[in-house]
Amino acid sequence: MIGSTAPTCTYNECKGCKFKCRAEQIPVDGNDPIHSAYHYKCMCHR
């Protein structure tokens, strides 16, 4: 699989997380999210 797999989050990125932590796509340009490139950020989910 190339390109479509989300990166795994490290322990440090999820530090303080009491809930499920996963990588989510975040638009680099928040003003134009549809045409923007994306990067991954680890987020906590309840």
PDB file of N, CA and C in Angstrom:
ATOM      1  N   MET A   1       0.850  -1.194   0.000  1.00  0.00           N
ATOM      2  CA  MET A   1       0.000   0.000   0.000  1.00  0.00           C
ATOM      3  C   MET A   1       0.881   1.239   0.000  1.00  0.00           C
ATOM      4  N   ILE A   2       0.620   2.117  -0.936  1.00  0.00           N
ATOM      5  CA  ILE A   2       1.412   3.343  -1.026  1.00  0.00           C
ATOM      6  C   ILE A   2       0.478   4.550  -0.991  1.00  0.00           C
ATOM      7  N   GLY A   3       0.824   5.507  -0.156  1.00  0.00           N
ATOM      8  CA  GLY A   3       0.135   6.795  -0.189  1.00  0.00           C
ATOM      9  C   GLY A   3      -1.116   6.902   0.671  1.00  0.00           C
ATOM     10  N   SER A   4      -1.861   5.812   0.820  1.00  0.00           N
ATOM     11  CA  SER A   4      -3.154   5.954   1.480  1.00  0.00           C
ATOM     12  C   SER A   4      -3.110   5.600   2.964  1.00  0.00           C
ATOM     13  N   THR A   5      -1.977   5.059   3.427  1.00  0.00           N
ATOM     14  CA  THR A   5      -1.930   4.650   4.825  1.00  0.00           C
ATOM     15  C   THR A   5      -1.542   5.821   5.719  1.00  0.00           C
ATOM     16  N   ALA A   6      -2.280   6.008   6.782  1.00  0.00           N
ATOM     17  CA  ALA A   6      -1.970   7.074   7.725  1.00  0.00           C
ATOM     18  C   ALA A   6      -0.789   6.651   8.584  1.00  0.00           C
ATOM     19  N   PRO A   7       0.058   7.600   8.958  1.00  0.00           N
ATOM     20  CA  PRO A   7       1.194   7.257   9.808  1.00  0.00           C
ATOM     21  C   PRO A   7       0.720   6.859  11.204  1.00  0.00           C
ATOM     22  N   THR A   8       1.494   6.033  11.858  1.00  0.00           N
ATOM     23  CA  THR A   8       1.148   5.672  13.223  1.00  0.00           C
ATOM     24  C   THR A   8       1.644   6.764  14.158  1.00  0.00           C
ATOM     25  N   CYS A   9       0.916   6.983  15.221  1.00  0.00           N
ATOM     26  CA  CYS A   9       1.285   8.020  16.175  1.00  0.00           C
ATOM     27  C   CYS A   9       2.246   7.454  17.208  1.00  0.00           C
ATOM     28  N   THR A  10       3.239   8.233  17.543  1.00  0.00           N
ATOM     29  CA  THR A  10       4.198   7.793  18.546  1.00  0.00           C
ATOM     30  C   THR A  10       3.645   8.049  19.939  1.00  0.00           C
ATOM     31  N   TYR A  11       4.276   7.457  20.924  1.00  0.00           N
ATOM     32  CA  TYR A  11       3.831   7.643  22.312  1.00  0.00           C
ATOM     33  C   TYR A  11       3.886   9.118  22.690  1.00  0.00           C
ATOM     34  N   ASN A  12       4.942   9.812  22.291  1.00  0.00           N
ATOM     35  CA  ASN A  12       5.093  11.227  22.651  1.00  0.00           C
ATOM     36  C   ASN A  12       3.991  12.086  22.045  1.00  0.00           C
ATOM     37  N   GLU A  13       3.592  11.765  20.809  1.00  0.00           N
ATOM     38  CA  GLU A  13       2.547  12.546  20.153  1.00  0.00           C
ATOM     39  C   GLU A  13       1.208  12.363  20.862  1.00  0.00           C
ATOM     40  N   CYS A  14       1.048  11.222  21.511  1.00  0.00           N
ATOM     41  CA  CYS A  14      -0.215  10.916  22.179  1.00  0.00           C
ATOM     42  C   CYS A  14      -0.109  11.069  23.682  1.00  0.00           C
ATOM     43  N   LYS A  15       0.953  11.707  24.134  1.00  0.00           N
ATOM     44  CA  LYS A  15       1.182  11.872  25.558  1.00  0.00           C
ATOM     45  C   LYS A  15       0.022  12.633  26.190  1.00  0.00           C
ATOM     46  N   GLY A  16      -0.461  12.141  27.304  1.00  0.00           N
ATOM     47  CA  GLY A  16      -1.581  12.788  27.966  1.00  0.00           C
ATOM     48  C   GLY A  16      -2.929  12.346  27.426  1.00  0.00           C
ATOM     49  N   CYS A  17      -2.922  11.493  26.410  1.00  0.00           N
ATOM     50  CA  CYS A  17      -4.156  10.982  25.827  1.00  0.00           C
ATOM     51  C   CYS A  17      -4.726   9.889  26.710  1.00  0.00           C
ATOM     52  N   LYS A  18      -5.954  10.072  27.135  1.00  0.00           N
ATOM     53  CA  LYS A  18      -6.615   8.986  27.854  1.00  0.00           C
ATOM     54  C   LYS A  18      -7.555   8.242  26.921  1.00  0.00           C
ATOM     55  N   PHE A  19      -7.664   8.718  25.702  1.00  0.00           N
ATOM     56  CA  PHE A  19      -8.589   8.143  24.736  1.00  0.00           C
ATOM     57  C   PHE A  19      -7.831   7.701  23.496  1.00  0.00           C
ATOM     58  N   LYS A  20      -8.554   7.148  22.576  1.00  0.00           N
ATOM     59  CA  LYS A  20      -7.949   6.649  21.344  1.00  0.00           C
ATOM     60  C   LYS A  20      -7.257   7.784  20.596  1.00  0.00           C
ATOM     61  N   CYS A  21      -6.044   7.519  20.194  1.00  0.00           N
ATOM     62  CA  CYS A  21      -5.259   8.518  19.470  1.00  0.00           C
ATOM     63  C   CYS A  21      -5.029   8.018  18.056  1.00  0.00           C
ATOM     64  N   ARG A  22      -5.303   8.864  17.061  1.00  0.00           N
ATOM     65  CA  ARG A  22      -5.042   8.447  15.685  1.00  0.00           C
ATOM     66  C   ARG A  22      -4.642   9.643  14.838  1.00  0.00           C
ATOM     67  N   ALA A  23      -3.976   9.353  13.730  1.00  0.00           N
ATOM     68  CA  ALA A  23      -3.538  10.405  12.822  1.00  0.00           C
ATOM     69  C   ALA A  23      -4.717  10.848  11.965  1.00  0.00           C
ATOM     70  N   GLU A  24      -4.873  12.150  11.821  1.00  0.00           N
ATOM     71  CA  GLU A  24      -5.922  12.690  10.970  1.00  0.00           C
ATOM     72  C   GLU A  24      -5.317  13.636   9.954  1.00  0.00           C
ATOM     73  N   GLN A  25      -5.976  13.721   8.797  1.00  0.00           N
ATOM     74  CA  GLN A  25      -5.517  14.655   7.771  1.00  0.00           C
ATOM     75  C   GLN A  25      -5.963  16.057   8.144  1.00  0.00           C
ATOM     76  N   ILE A  26      -5.008  16.972   8.185  1.00  0.00           N
ATOM     77  CA  ILE A  26      -5.303  18.370   8.479  1.00  0.00           C
ATOM     78  C   ILE A  26      -4.862  19.197   7.275  1.00  0.00           C
ATOM     79  N   PRO A  27      -5.751  20.036   6.719  1.00  0.00           N
ATOM     80  CA  PRO A  27      -5.334  20.866   5.582  1.00  0.00           C
ATOM     81  C   PRO A  27      -4.263  21.867   5.997  1.00  0.00           C
ATOM     82  N   VAL A  28      -3.227  21.989   5.167  1.00  0.00           N
ATOM     83  CA  VAL A  28      -2.154  22.940   5.451  1.00  0.00           C
ATOM     84  C   VAL A  28      -2.709  24.366   5.384  1.00  0.00           C
ATOM     85  N   ASP A  29      -3.564  24.624   4.382  1.00  0.00           N
ATOM     86  CA  ASP A  29      -4.182  25.940   4.242  1.00  0.00           C
ATOM     87  C   ASP A  29      -5.618  25.873   4.749  1.00  0.00           C
ATOM     88  N   GLY A  30      -5.841  26.343   5.957  1.00  0.00           N
ATOM     89  CA  GLY A  30      -7.168  26.279   6.547  1.00  0.00           C
ATOM     90  C   GLY A  30      -8.191  27.149   5.837  1.00  0.00           C
ATOM     91  N   ASN A  31      -7.720  28.153   5.081  1.00  0.00           N
ATOM     92  CA  ASN A  31      -8.631  29.045   4.375  1.00  0.00           C
ATOM     93  C   ASN A  31      -9.164  28.418   3.095  1.00  0.00           C
ATOM     94  N   ASP A  32      -8.445  27.421   2.580  1.00  0.00           N
ATOM     95  CA  ASP A  32      -8.858  26.766   1.335  1.00  0.00           C
ATOM     96  C   ASP A  32      -8.628  25.263   1.460  1.00  0.00           C
ATOM     97  N   PRO A  33      -9.370  24.610   2.353  1.00  0.00           N
ATOM     98  CA  PRO A  33      -9.077  23.208   2.669  1.00  0.00           C
ATOM     99  C   PRO A  33      -9.289  22.249   1.509  1.00  0.00           C
ATOM    100  N   ILE A  34     -10.182  22.599   0.578  1.00  0.00           N
ATOM    101  CA  ILE A  34     -10.474  21.683  -0.528  1.00  0.00           C
ATOM    102  C   ILE A  34      -9.281  21.564  -1.467  1.00  0.00           C
ATOM    103  N   HIS A  35      -8.606  22.679  -1.724  1.00  0.00           N
ATOM    104  CA  HIS A  35      -7.487  22.670  -2.665  1.00  0.00           C
ATOM    105  C   HIS A  35      -6.134  22.579  -1.973  1.00  0.00           C
ATOM    106  N   SER A  36      -6.162  22.551  -0.664  1.00  0.00           N
ATOM    107  CA  SER A  36      -4.918  22.560   0.096  1.00  0.00           C
ATOM    108  C   SER A  36      -4.261  21.190   0.118  1.00  0.00           C
ATOM    109  N   ALA A  37      -2.961  21.189   0.307  1.00  0.00           N
ATOM    110  CA  ALA A  37      -2.253  19.950   0.624  1.00  0.00           C
ATOM    111  C   ALA A  37      -2.604  19.570   2.057  1.00  0.00           C
ATOM    112  N   TYR A  38      -2.321  18.333   2.398  1.00  0.00           N
ATOM    113  CA  TYR A  38      -2.635  17.862   3.744  1.00  0.00           C
ATOM    114  C   TYR A  38      -1.394  17.374   4.449  1.00  0.00           C
ATOM    115  N   HIS A  39      -1.400  17.529   5.759  1.00  0.00           N
ATOM    116  CA  HIS A  39      -0.396  16.848   6.570  1.00  0.00           C
ATOM    117  C   HIS A  39      -1.138  16.095   7.665  1.00  0.00           C
ATOM    118  N   TYR A  40      -0.429  15.224   8.337  1.00  0.00           N
ATOM    119  CA  TYR A  40      -1.069  14.412   9.367  1.00  0.00           C
ATOM    120  C   TYR A  40      -0.742  14.946  10.750  1.00  0.00           C
ATOM    121  N   LYS A  41      -1.738  14.929  11.603  1.00  0.00           N
ATOM    122  CA  LYS A  41      -1.549  15.344  12.984  1.00  0.00           C
ATOM    123  C   LYS A  41      -2.250  14.322  13.867  1.00  0.00           C
ATOM    124  N   CYS A  42      -1.615  13.977  14.963  1.00  0.00           N
ATOM    125  CA  CYS A  42      -2.216  12.996  15.857  1.00  0.00           C
ATOM    126  C   CYS A  42      -3.217  13.679  16.776  1.00  0.00           C
ATOM    127  N   MET A  43      -4.428  13.139  16.813  1.00  0.00           N
ATOM    128  CA  MET A  43      -5.506  13.728  17.586  1.00  0.00           C
ATOM    129  C   MET A  43      -6.060  12.704  18.566  1.00  0.00           C
ATOM    130  N   CYS A  44      -6.541  13.202  19.705  1.00  0.00           N
ATOM    131  CA  CYS A  44      -7.178  12.323  20.687  1.00  0.00           C
ATOM    132  C   CYS A  44      -8.678  12.276  20.422  1.00  0.00           C
ATOM    133  N   HIS A  45      -9.248  11.088  20.558  1.00  0.00           N
ATOM    134  CA  HIS A  45     -10.686  10.933  20.350  1.00  0.00           C
ATOM    135  C   HIS A  45     -11.313  10.305  21.574  1.00  0.00           C
ATOM    136  N   ARG A  46     -12.450  10.830  21.978  1.00  0.00           N
ATOM    137  CA  ARG A  46     -13.146  10.280  23.136  1.00  0.00           C
ATOM    138  C   ARG A  46     -13.924   9.039  22.748  1.00  0.00           C
TER     139      ARG A  46
END
